[in-house]
Amino acid sequence: MAEKSFQFMVTDAAGLHARPASDLSKFAKSLGSKVTLVKGDKRVDAKSVLMIMAAGVSQGNTVTFEVSGDDAEREAAELEEFCKQNL
């Protein structure tokens, strides 16, 4: 199983609340890999809207996404592109 991680600074004015959290969760669910969002000492399942919102990510926060699975390299690149376009 491969692993790939990347950091991303959230630019959406709402941070990762409601709509952006829902969009992120839906995209993460479309991936076959496990996707973990890390903010400080919080590690949450990025496929769960409630867990994403509970992480308390605000505009300007930098988070780390950890992607692990058979196709982690490609899926991490897709997730990073999604983040750049939507968050």
N, C-alpha and C. Protein backbone atom coordinates (compact mmCIF):
# COMPACT_ATOMS: atom_id res chain seq x y z
N MET A 1 0.84 -1.17 0.00
CA MET A 1 0.00 0.00 0.00
C MET A 1 0.89 1.25 0.00
N ALA A 2 0.61 2.14 -0.91
CA ALA A 2 1.40 3.37 -1.04
C ALA A 2 0.80 4.49 -0.19
N GLU A 3 1.64 5.45 0.16
CA GLU A 3 1.18 6.62 0.90
C GLU A 3 1.74 7.87 0.25
N LYS A 4 0.93 8.91 0.25
CA LYS A 4 1.35 10.21 -0.29
C LYS A 4 0.67 11.28 0.56
N SER A 5 1.40 12.33 0.88
CA SER A 5 0.79 13.42 1.65
C SER A 5 1.18 14.75 1.01
N PHE A 6 0.36 15.76 1.29
CA PHE A 6 0.66 17.10 0.82
C PHE A 6 0.01 18.10 1.77
N GLN A 7 0.56 19.30 1.79
CA GLN A 7 -0.01 20.37 2.61
C GLN A 7 -0.80 21.31 1.72
N PHE A 8 -1.85 21.90 2.33
CA PHE A 8 -2.69 22.82 1.58
C PHE A 8 -3.19 23.92 2.50
N MET A 9 -3.10 25.18 2.04
CA MET A 9 -3.63 26.29 2.81
C MET A 9 -5.03 26.61 2.30
N VAL A 10 -6.00 26.57 3.21
CA VAL A 10 -7.40 26.81 2.86
C VAL A 10 -7.61 28.30 2.61
N THR A 11 -8.16 28.63 1.44
CA THR A 11 -8.40 30.03 1.08
C THR A 11 -9.87 30.39 1.10
N ASP A 12 -10.77 29.39 1.13
CA ASP A 12 -12.21 29.66 1.16
C ASP A 12 -12.55 30.48 2.40
N ALA A 13 -13.30 31.54 2.23
CA ALA A 13 -13.65 32.44 3.34
C ALA A 13 -14.37 31.72 4.47
N ALA A 14 -15.10 30.67 4.16
CA ALA A 14 -15.84 29.92 5.17
C ALA A 14 -14.97 28.87 5.86
N GLY A 15 -13.74 28.68 5.40
CA GLY A 15 -12.93 27.58 5.93
C GLY A 15 -13.55 26.27 5.47
N LEU A 16 -13.40 25.22 6.26
CA LEU A 16 -14.00 23.92 5.90
C LEU A 16 -15.26 23.70 6.71
N HIS A 17 -16.27 24.49 6.44
CA HIS A 17 -17.58 24.38 7.09
C HIS A 17 -18.63 24.11 6.04
N ALA A 18 -19.70 23.45 6.41
CA ALA A 18 -20.89 23.20 5.59
C ALA A 18 -20.57 22.84 4.14
N ARG A 19 -20.77 23.76 3.20
CA ARG A 19 -20.63 23.43 1.78
C ARG A 19 -19.23 22.94 1.42
N PRO A 20 -18.15 23.66 1.79
CA PRO A 20 -16.83 23.15 1.39
C PRO A 20 -16.51 21.79 2.04
N ALA A 21 -16.95 21.58 3.27
CA ALA A 21 -16.72 20.29 3.92
C ALA A 21 -17.48 19.18 3.19
N SER A 22 -18.71 19.49 2.79
CA SER A 22 -19.52 18.52 2.05
C SER A 22 -18.87 18.19 0.71
N ASP A 23 -18.42 19.23 0.00
CA ASP A 23 -17.76 19.01 -1.30
C ASP A 23 -16.50 18.16 -1.15
N LEU A 24 -15.70 18.48 -0.13
CA LEU A 24 -14.47 17.72 0.12
C LEU A 24 -14.79 16.26 0.44
N SER A 25 -15.77 16.04 1.29
CA SER A 25 -16.16 14.69 1.67
C SER A 25 -16.62 13.88 0.46
N LYS A 26 -17.44 14.49 -0.37
CA LYS A 26 -17.93 13.80 -1.58
C LYS A 26 -16.77 13.42 -2.48
N PHE A 27 -15.82 14.34 -2.66
CA PHE A 27 -14.68 14.04 -3.52
C PHE A 27 -13.84 12.93 -2.91
N ALA A 28 -13.57 13.03 -1.61
CA ALA A 28 -12.76 12.00 -0.93
C ALA A 28 -13.42 10.63 -1.04
N LYS A 29 -14.76 10.59 -0.95
CA LYS A 29 -15.47 9.31 -1.06
C LYS A 29 -15.34 8.70 -2.45
N SER A 30 -15.09 9.55 -3.45
CA SER A 30 -14.95 9.03 -4.82
C SER A 30 -13.60 8.35 -5.04
N LEU A 31 -12.69 8.52 -4.10
CA LEU A 31 -11.36 7.92 -4.20
C LEU A 31 -11.34 6.56 -3.51
N GLY A 32 -10.54 5.66 -4.02
CA GLY A 32 -10.43 4.34 -3.41
C GLY A 32 -9.52 4.33 -2.20
N SER A 33 -8.68 5.32 -2.08
CA SER A 33 -7.71 5.39 -0.99
C SER A 33 -8.34 5.92 0.29
N LYS A 34 -7.68 5.65 1.40
CA LYS A 34 -8.04 6.26 2.68
C LYS A 34 -7.49 7.69 2.66
N VAL A 35 -8.31 8.66 3.07
CA VAL A 35 -7.90 10.06 3.06
C VAL A 35 -8.06 10.62 4.47
N THR A 36 -6.96 11.09 5.04
CA THR A 36 -6.96 11.66 6.38
C THR A 36 -6.58 13.13 6.29
N LEU A 37 -7.35 13.97 6.99
CA LEU A 37 -7.04 15.39 7.08
C LEU A 37 -6.41 15.63 8.43
N VAL A 38 -5.27 16.32 8.46
CA VAL A 38 -4.55 16.57 9.70
C VAL A 38 -4.43 18.08 9.91
N LYS A 39 -4.93 18.53 11.07
CA LYS A 39 -4.76 19.94 11.47
C LYS A 39 -4.23 19.93 12.89
N GLY A 40 -2.98 20.32 13.05
CA GLY A 40 -2.37 20.28 14.38
C GLY A 40 -2.34 18.85 14.89
N ASP A 41 -2.94 18.63 16.06
CA ASP A 41 -2.97 17.27 16.61
C ASP A 41 -4.25 16.53 16.28
N LYS A 42 -5.12 17.13 15.46
CA LYS A 42 -6.37 16.48 15.05
C LYS A 42 -6.16 15.74 13.74
N ARG A 43 -6.56 14.47 13.72
CA ARG A 43 -6.51 13.63 12.53
C ARG A 43 -7.91 13.11 12.29
N VAL A 44 -8.51 13.48 11.14
CA VAL A 44 -9.89 13.08 10.89
C VAL A 44 -10.04 12.44 9.52
N ASP A 45 -11.07 11.62 9.39
CA ASP A 45 -11.41 10.97 8.15
C ASP A 45 -12.01 12.01 7.20
N ALA A 46 -11.35 12.25 6.08
CA ALA A 46 -11.82 13.27 5.13
C ALA A 46 -13.03 12.82 4.33
N LYS A 47 -13.51 11.61 4.58
CA LYS A 47 -14.72 11.14 3.91
C LYS A 47 -15.95 11.42 4.77
N SER A 48 -15.76 12.03 5.94
CA SER A 48 -16.85 12.34 6.86
C SER A 48 -17.03 13.85 7.00
N VAL A 49 -18.18 14.36 6.57
CA VAL A 49 -18.47 15.79 6.68
C VAL A 49 -18.35 16.25 8.12
N LEU A 50 -18.94 15.51 9.04
CA LEU A 50 -18.93 15.92 10.46
C LEU A 50 -17.52 15.96 11.03
N MET A 51 -16.70 14.99 10.66
CA MET A 51 -15.32 14.96 11.15
C MET A 51 -14.53 16.14 10.58
N ILE A 52 -14.74 16.46 9.31
CA ILE A 52 -14.05 17.60 8.70
C ILE A 52 -14.43 18.88 9.43
N MET A 53 -15.73 19.08 9.67
CA MET A 53 -16.18 20.29 10.36
C MET A 53 -15.66 20.33 11.79
N ALA A 54 -15.56 19.17 12.44
CA ALA A 54 -15.08 19.11 13.82
C ALA A 54 -13.59 19.48 13.92
N ALA A 55 -12.86 19.38 12.81
CA ALA A 55 -11.43 19.73 12.83
C ALA A 55 -11.23 21.24 13.00
N GLY A 56 -12.27 22.02 12.71
CA GLY A 56 -12.19 23.47 12.93
C GLY A 56 -11.20 24.18 12.03
N VAL A 57 -11.22 23.86 10.74
CA VAL A 57 -10.30 24.48 9.80
C VAL A 57 -10.87 25.81 9.31
N SER A 58 -10.12 26.88 9.51
CA SER A 58 -10.54 28.22 9.10
C SER A 58 -9.73 28.69 7.90
N GLN A 59 -10.20 29.76 7.27
CA GLN A 59 -9.47 30.37 6.17
C GLN A 59 -8.06 30.72 6.64
N GLY A 60 -7.08 30.40 5.83
CA GLY A 60 -5.68 30.68 6.15
C GLY A 60 -4.97 29.56 6.89
N ASN A 61 -5.73 28.56 7.39
CA ASN A 61 -5.10 27.42 8.05
C ASN A 61 -4.44 26.51 7.01
N THR A 62 -3.29 25.96 7.37
CA THR A 62 -2.64 24.96 6.53
C THR A 62 -2.91 23.59 7.13
N VAL A 63 -3.41 22.69 6.29
CA VAL A 63 -3.69 21.32 6.72
C VAL A 63 -2.85 20.37 5.89
N THR A 64 -2.73 19.15 6.38
CA THR A 64 -2.05 18.10 5.64
C THR A 64 -3.07 17.03 5.27
N PHE A 65 -3.01 16.58 4.04
CA PHE A 65 -3.83 15.46 3.60
C PHE A 65 -2.91 14.27 3.45
N GLU A 66 -3.30 13.14 4.05
CA GLU A 66 -2.56 11.89 3.91
C GLU A 66 -3.44 10.92 3.14
N VAL A 67 -2.92 10.44 2.04
CA VAL A 67 -3.66 9.53 1.17
C VAL A 67 -2.93 8.20 1.16
N SER A 68 -3.63 7.12 1.51
CA SER A 68 -3.00 5.80 1.52
C SER A 68 -3.89 4.79 0.82
N GLY A 69 -3.28 4.07 -0.10
CA GLY A 69 -4.00 3.06 -0.87
C GLY A 69 -3.16 2.64 -2.05
N ASP A 70 -3.69 1.72 -2.83
CA ASP A 70 -2.94 1.18 -3.97
C ASP A 70 -2.63 2.24 -5.02
N ASP A 71 -3.48 3.25 -5.13
CA ASP A 71 -3.31 4.29 -6.15
C ASP A 71 -3.12 5.66 -5.51
N ALA A 72 -2.42 5.69 -4.37
CA ALA A 72 -2.29 6.91 -3.56
C ALA A 72 -1.64 8.06 -4.32
N GLU A 73 -0.64 7.78 -5.10
CA GLU A 73 0.08 8.85 -5.82
C GLU A 73 -0.87 9.62 -6.73
N ARG A 74 -1.60 8.90 -7.57
CA ARG A 74 -2.52 9.53 -8.52
C ARG A 74 -3.68 10.21 -7.79
N GLU A 75 -4.24 9.52 -6.80
CA GLU A 75 -5.39 10.07 -6.10
C GLU A 75 -5.01 11.29 -5.25
N ALA A 76 -3.81 11.31 -4.71
CA ALA A 76 -3.35 12.49 -3.96
C ALA A 76 -3.23 13.68 -4.90
N ALA A 77 -2.74 13.45 -6.11
CA ALA A 77 -2.63 14.53 -7.09
C ALA A 77 -4.02 15.05 -7.47
N GLU A 78 -4.98 14.15 -7.63
CA GLU A 78 -6.36 14.55 -7.95
C GLU A 78 -6.96 15.34 -6.79
N LEU A 79 -6.73 14.89 -5.57
CA LEU A 79 -7.25 15.58 -4.40
C LEU A 79 -6.62 16.97 -4.26
N GLU A 80 -5.33 17.06 -4.51
CA GLU A 80 -4.66 18.35 -4.42
C GLU A 80 -5.23 19.33 -5.45
N GLU A 81 -5.49 18.86 -6.65
CA GLU A 81 -6.08 19.71 -7.69
C GLU A 81 -7.49 20.13 -7.29
N PHE A 82 -8.27 19.20 -6.73
CA PHE A 82 -9.61 19.54 -6.24
C PHE A 82 -9.53 20.64 -5.19
N CYS A 83 -8.62 20.51 -4.26
CA CYS A 83 -8.46 21.50 -3.20
C CYS A 83 -8.13 22.88 -3.77
N LYS A 84 -7.20 22.92 -4.72
CA LYS A 84 -6.80 24.19 -5.33
C LYS A 84 -7.98 24.87 -6.01
N GLN A 85 -8.86 24.10 -6.61
CA GLN A 85 -9.98 24.66 -7.35
C GLN A 85 -11.19 24.98 -6.47
N ASN A 86 -11.31 24.31 -5.31
CA ASN A 86 -12.55 24.41 -4.54
C ASN A 86 -12.42 24.90 -3.11
N LEU A 87 -11.22 24.88 -2.53
CA LEU A 87 -11.09 25.23 -1.13
C LEU A 87 -10.17 26.43 -0.94
